[in-house]
């Protein structure tokens, strides 16, 4: 199906829905993740969901676990992908409050 993607895009009519495979085909979904979502800005959650220092949200974005944490400086940051998976596994799914994080954080733009 991936080989047909350029042809399907060429047949696209602006203002109309896309062909069915754009919504159902796993290969097209994987291509979307690789070419758009993993490379560009992605809305994860409203900042007001992480109100206190140590508040976190653990999200699954395609094949990646993403953990966002509000730091003591008030900035929402993400845990880097270098954090070993067992450590991420200690955080429950969803969101919560974990007190102080002892892992390095990388700022994200909101």
N, C-alpha and C. Protein backbone atom coordinates (compact mmCIF):
# COMPACT_ATOMS: atom_id res chain seq x y z
N UNK A 1 0.83 -1.20 0.00
CA UNK A 1 0.00 0.00 0.00
C UNK A 1 0.87 1.25 0.00
N UNK A 2 2.03 1.20 0.65
CA UNK A 2 2.89 2.37 0.76
C UNK A 2 3.29 2.88 -0.61
N UNK A 3 3.47 1.99 -1.60
CA UNK A 3 3.86 2.39 -2.94
C UNK A 3 2.76 3.19 -3.64
N UNK A 4 1.51 3.01 -3.23
CA UNK A 4 0.40 3.71 -3.85
C UNK A 4 0.17 5.09 -3.26
N UNK A 5 0.85 5.42 -2.21
CA UNK A 5 0.62 6.68 -1.52
C UNK A 5 0.77 7.90 -2.43
N UNK A 6 1.84 8.02 -3.23
CA UNK A 6 1.95 9.19 -4.11
C UNK A 6 0.77 9.31 -5.09
N UNK A 7 0.30 8.18 -5.64
CA UNK A 7 -0.84 8.22 -6.56
C UNK A 7 -2.11 8.67 -5.84
N UNK A 8 -2.32 8.16 -4.64
CA UNK A 8 -3.52 8.55 -3.89
C UNK A 8 -3.47 10.03 -3.53
N UNK A 9 -2.29 10.53 -3.18
CA UNK A 9 -2.16 11.96 -2.88
C UNK A 9 -2.42 12.80 -4.12
N UNK A 10 -1.97 12.33 -5.27
CA UNK A 10 -2.20 13.06 -6.52
C UNK A 10 -3.68 13.12 -6.88
N UNK A 11 -4.44 12.09 -6.51
CA UNK A 11 -5.89 12.06 -6.81
C UNK A 11 -6.72 12.86 -5.81
N UNK A 12 -6.10 13.30 -4.74
CA UNK A 12 -6.82 14.01 -3.68
C UNK A 12 -7.50 15.26 -4.22
N UNK A 13 -8.74 15.50 -3.78
CA UNK A 13 -9.49 16.69 -4.15
C UNK A 13 -9.58 17.59 -2.92
N UNK A 14 -8.99 18.79 -2.99
CA UNK A 14 -9.07 19.70 -1.83
C UNK A 14 -10.53 19.94 -1.43
N UNK A 15 -10.77 19.94 -0.12
CA UNK A 15 -12.11 20.17 0.39
C UNK A 15 -12.95 18.91 0.50
N UNK A 16 -12.39 17.77 0.09
CA UNK A 16 -13.10 16.50 0.18
C UNK A 16 -12.31 15.54 1.07
N UNK A 17 -12.98 14.52 1.56
CA UNK A 17 -12.29 13.55 2.41
C UNK A 17 -11.28 12.74 1.58
N UNK A 18 -10.34 12.16 2.27
CA UNK A 18 -9.32 11.32 1.62
C UNK A 18 -9.89 9.93 1.34
N UNK A 19 -9.17 9.19 0.52
CA UNK A 19 -9.58 7.80 0.24
C UNK A 19 -9.48 6.97 1.52
N UNK A 20 -10.26 5.91 1.57
CA UNK A 20 -10.36 5.07 2.75
C UNK A 20 -9.01 4.62 3.34
N UNK A 21 -8.04 4.21 2.52
CA UNK A 21 -6.78 3.73 3.10
C UNK A 21 -6.07 4.77 3.98
N UNK A 22 -6.31 6.05 3.74
CA UNK A 22 -5.69 7.07 4.59
C UNK A 22 -6.14 6.94 6.04
N UNK A 23 -7.30 6.38 6.25
CA UNK A 23 -7.85 6.24 7.59
C UNK A 23 -7.69 4.83 8.17
N UNK A 24 -7.39 3.85 7.32
CA UNK A 24 -7.42 2.46 7.78
C UNK A 24 -6.12 1.69 7.59
N UNK A 25 -5.26 2.12 6.70
CA UNK A 25 -4.07 1.34 6.35
C UNK A 25 -2.94 1.56 7.36
N UNK A 26 -2.44 0.50 8.00
CA UNK A 26 -1.35 0.64 8.99
C UNK A 26 -0.07 1.23 8.39
N UNK A 27 0.22 0.95 7.12
CA UNK A 27 1.44 1.47 6.49
C UNK A 27 1.34 2.99 6.31
N UNK A 28 0.16 3.48 5.97
CA UNK A 28 -0.02 4.93 5.82
C UNK A 28 0.06 5.59 7.20
N UNK A 29 -0.52 4.96 8.20
CA UNK A 29 -0.42 5.49 9.56
C UNK A 29 1.04 5.57 10.00
N UNK A 30 1.81 4.53 9.73
CA UNK A 30 3.23 4.52 10.07
C UNK A 30 3.97 5.63 9.33
N UNK A 31 3.63 5.83 8.05
CA UNK A 31 4.25 6.91 7.27
C UNK A 31 3.90 8.28 7.85
N UNK A 32 2.65 8.46 8.28
CA UNK A 32 2.24 9.72 8.93
C UNK A 32 3.06 9.96 10.19
N UNK A 33 3.21 8.92 11.01
CA UNK A 33 3.99 9.07 12.24
C UNK A 33 5.42 9.48 11.93
N UNK A 34 6.05 8.78 10.99
CA UNK A 34 7.45 9.04 10.66
C UNK A 34 7.66 10.42 10.02
N UNK A 35 6.78 10.80 9.11
CA UNK A 35 6.99 12.01 8.31
C UNK A 35 6.36 13.27 8.88
N UNK A 36 5.44 13.12 9.81
CA UNK A 36 4.77 14.30 10.37
C UNK A 36 4.93 14.34 11.88
N UNK A 37 4.32 13.40 12.57
CA UNK A 37 4.19 13.49 14.03
C UNK A 37 5.51 13.34 14.78
N UNK A 38 6.43 12.52 14.30
CA UNK A 38 7.70 12.37 15.00
C UNK A 38 8.65 13.54 14.71
N UNK A 39 8.39 14.30 13.66
CA UNK A 39 9.29 15.39 13.26
C UNK A 39 8.80 16.77 13.65
N UNK A 40 7.55 16.94 13.81
CA UNK A 40 6.95 18.26 14.02
C UNK A 40 6.40 18.40 15.43
N UNK A 41 5.98 19.59 15.74
CA UNK A 41 5.33 19.89 17.01
C UNK A 41 4.08 19.06 17.14
N UNK A 42 3.80 18.60 18.34
CA UNK A 42 2.63 17.76 18.59
C UNK A 42 1.94 18.26 19.84
N UNK A 43 0.64 18.57 19.76
CA UNK A 43 -0.11 18.97 20.93
C UNK A 43 -0.31 17.74 21.80
N UNK A 44 0.15 17.80 23.03
CA UNK A 44 0.05 16.64 23.92
C UNK A 44 -1.10 16.80 24.91
N UNK A 45 -1.19 17.97 25.53
CA UNK A 45 -2.24 18.21 26.53
C UNK A 45 -2.23 19.69 26.88
N UNK A 46 -3.34 20.19 27.45
CA UNK A 46 -3.35 21.59 27.89
C UNK A 46 -2.42 21.76 29.10
N UNK A 47 -1.69 22.85 29.15
CA UNK A 47 -0.75 23.10 30.25
C UNK A 47 -1.46 23.10 31.60
N UNK A 48 -2.74 23.46 31.62
CA UNK A 48 -3.46 23.52 32.90
C UNK A 48 -3.68 22.13 33.50
N UNK A 49 -3.39 21.07 32.76
CA UNK A 49 -3.50 19.72 33.31
C UNK A 49 -2.37 19.39 34.26
N UNK A 50 -1.26 20.09 34.10
CA UNK A 50 -0.10 19.88 34.98
C UNK A 50 0.07 21.14 35.81
N UNK A 51 -0.67 21.24 36.91
CA UNK A 51 -0.75 22.50 37.65
C UNK A 51 0.32 22.66 38.72
N UNK A 52 0.80 21.57 39.32
CA UNK A 52 1.74 21.67 40.45
C UNK A 52 3.10 21.09 40.08
N UNK A 53 4.12 21.52 40.80
CA UNK A 53 5.45 20.95 40.64
C UNK A 53 5.38 19.43 40.84
N UNK A 54 5.97 18.69 39.93
CA UNK A 54 5.97 17.23 40.01
C UNK A 54 4.79 16.58 39.31
N UNK A 55 3.82 17.37 38.87
CA UNK A 55 2.70 16.79 38.13
C UNK A 55 3.23 16.28 36.80
N UNK A 56 2.76 15.11 36.38
CA UNK A 56 3.26 14.51 35.15
C UNK A 56 2.12 13.93 34.34
N UNK A 57 2.42 13.69 33.07
CA UNK A 57 1.51 12.95 32.19
C UNK A 57 2.37 12.02 31.36
N UNK A 58 1.97 10.77 31.28
CA UNK A 58 2.66 9.78 30.47
C UNK A 58 1.76 9.47 29.28
N UNK A 59 2.28 9.69 28.08
CA UNK A 59 1.52 9.53 26.85
C UNK A 59 2.21 8.55 25.92
N UNK A 60 1.45 7.89 25.09
CA UNK A 60 2.00 7.03 24.06
C UNK A 60 1.79 7.74 22.73
N UNK A 61 2.88 8.06 22.03
CA UNK A 61 2.82 8.69 20.72
C UNK A 61 3.44 7.72 19.74
N UNK A 62 2.61 6.97 19.04
CA UNK A 62 3.11 5.93 18.15
C UNK A 62 3.89 4.91 18.95
N UNK A 63 5.15 4.72 18.59
CA UNK A 63 5.99 3.72 19.26
C UNK A 63 6.72 4.29 20.49
N UNK A 64 6.50 5.57 20.79
CA UNK A 64 7.27 6.23 21.84
C UNK A 64 6.44 6.52 23.08
N UNK A 65 7.05 6.29 24.25
CA UNK A 65 6.51 6.75 25.51
C UNK A 65 7.00 8.17 25.71
N UNK A 66 6.12 9.09 26.02
CA UNK A 66 6.50 10.48 26.28
C UNK A 66 6.01 10.82 27.68
N UNK A 67 6.91 11.35 28.50
CA UNK A 67 6.54 11.76 29.85
C UNK A 67 6.81 13.25 29.96
N UNK A 68 5.76 14.01 30.31
CA UNK A 68 5.85 15.45 30.54
C UNK A 68 5.74 15.71 32.03
N UNK A 69 6.58 16.62 32.55
CA UNK A 69 6.60 16.92 33.98
C UNK A 69 6.68 18.43 34.17
N UNK A 70 5.91 18.96 35.15
CA UNK A 70 6.07 20.37 35.52
C UNK A 70 7.14 20.45 36.59
N UNK A 71 8.20 21.21 36.29
CA UNK A 71 9.33 21.35 37.20
C UNK A 71 9.10 22.42 38.26
N UNK A 72 10.04 22.52 39.19
CA UNK A 72 9.92 23.51 40.28
C UNK A 72 10.00 24.94 39.76
N UNK A 73 10.53 25.12 38.53
CA UNK A 73 10.58 26.44 37.91
C UNK A 73 9.28 26.78 37.18
N UNK A 74 8.30 25.86 37.20
CA UNK A 74 7.02 26.08 36.55
C UNK A 74 6.98 25.70 35.09
N UNK A 75 8.13 25.31 34.53
CA UNK A 75 8.22 24.95 33.11
C UNK A 75 7.83 23.49 32.92
N UNK A 76 7.03 23.22 31.89
CA UNK A 76 6.69 21.84 31.55
C UNK A 76 7.78 21.32 30.62
N UNK A 77 8.37 20.19 31.00
CA UNK A 77 9.47 19.60 30.24
C UNK A 77 9.15 18.15 29.95
N UNK A 78 9.88 17.56 29.03
CA UNK A 78 9.70 16.13 28.74
C UNK A 78 10.93 15.38 29.22
N UNK A 79 10.72 14.16 29.67
CA UNK A 79 11.85 13.30 30.00
C UNK A 79 12.47 12.86 28.69
N UNK A 80 13.78 12.89 28.57
CA UNK A 80 14.41 12.51 27.32
C UNK A 80 14.21 11.03 27.01
N UNK A 81 14.27 10.69 25.73
CA UNK A 81 14.12 9.30 25.31
C UNK A 81 15.25 8.42 25.82
N UNK A 82 16.33 9.03 26.33
CA UNK A 82 17.46 8.25 26.84
C UNK A 82 17.16 7.60 28.18
N UNK A 83 16.06 8.02 28.82
CA UNK A 83 15.70 7.40 30.10
C UNK A 83 15.41 5.93 29.84
N UNK A 84 16.04 5.02 30.58
CA UNK A 84 15.82 3.60 30.34
C UNK A 84 14.34 3.23 30.50
N UNK A 85 13.80 2.41 29.62
CA UNK A 85 12.39 2.02 29.70
C UNK A 85 11.94 1.50 31.05
N UNK A 86 12.76 0.71 31.81
CA UNK A 86 12.27 0.25 33.11
C UNK A 86 11.93 1.42 34.03
N UNK A 87 12.68 2.51 33.93
CA UNK A 87 12.42 3.69 34.77
C UNK A 87 11.08 4.31 34.38
N UNK A 88 10.80 4.40 33.07
CA UNK A 88 9.51 4.92 32.63
C UNK A 88 8.38 4.01 33.08
N UNK A 89 8.66 2.73 33.13
CA UNK A 89 7.64 1.78 33.55
C UNK A 89 7.21 1.97 34.99
N UNK A 90 8.03 2.67 35.79
CA UNK A 90 7.65 2.94 37.18
C UNK A 90 6.52 3.95 37.28
N UNK A 91 6.34 4.76 36.23
CA UNK A 91 5.26 5.75 36.24
C UNK A 91 3.98 5.11 35.73
N UNK A 92 2.88 5.27 36.45
CA UNK A 92 1.62 4.73 35.96
C UNK A 92 1.17 5.43 34.68
N UNK A 93 0.36 4.76 33.88
CA UNK A 93 -0.21 5.38 32.68
C UNK A 93 -1.07 6.56 33.07
N UNK A 94 -1.23 7.51 32.16
CA UNK A 94 -2.08 8.65 32.41
C UNK A 94 -1.31 9.77 33.05
N UNK A 95 -1.92 10.43 34.03
CA UNK A 95 -1.26 11.55 34.68
C UNK A 95 -1.36 11.41 36.19
N UNK A 96 -0.56 12.21 36.87
CA UNK A 96 -0.56 12.14 38.31
C UNK A 96 0.41 13.14 38.89
N UNK A 97 0.84 12.89 40.12
CA UNK A 97 1.77 13.77 40.80
C UNK A 97 2.85 12.91 41.44
N UNK A 98 4.09 13.16 41.06
CA UNK A 98 5.16 12.30 41.55
C UNK A 98 6.13 12.97 42.47
N UNK A 99 5.82 14.16 42.95
CA UNK A 99 6.77 14.85 43.83
C UNK A 99 7.94 15.36 43.02
N UNK A 100 9.16 15.20 43.53
CA UNK A 100 10.33 15.69 42.82
C UNK A 100 10.86 14.63 41.88
N UNK A 101 11.17 15.05 40.67
CA UNK A 101 11.76 14.13 39.70
C UNK A 101 13.28 14.20 39.83
N UNK A 102 13.96 13.06 39.81
CA UNK A 102 15.41 13.06 39.90
C UNK A 102 16.05 12.72 38.57
N UNK A 103 15.28 12.87 37.48
CA UNK A 103 15.79 12.59 36.14
C UNK A 103 16.01 13.91 35.40
N UNK A 104 17.00 13.97 34.50
CA UNK A 104 17.23 15.21 33.75
C UNK A 104 16.05 15.48 32.83
N UNK A 105 15.72 16.75 32.67
CA UNK A 105 14.58 17.15 31.83
C UNK A 105 15.06 17.99 30.67
N UNK A 106 14.32 17.97 29.58
CA UNK A 106 14.58 18.82 28.42
C UNK A 106 13.38 19.71 28.22
N UNK A 107 13.55 21.03 28.14
CA UNK A 107 12.41 21.92 27.95
C UNK A 107 11.69 21.63 26.63
N UNK A 108 10.39 21.85 26.64
CA UNK A 108 9.61 21.76 25.41
C UNK A 108 8.89 23.08 25.24
N UNK A 109 8.65 23.46 24.00
CA UNK A 109 7.91 24.69 23.73
C UNK A 109 6.43 24.43 23.88
N UNK A 110 5.74 25.31 24.56
CA UNK A 110 4.29 25.20 24.71
C UNK A 110 3.62 26.22 23.84
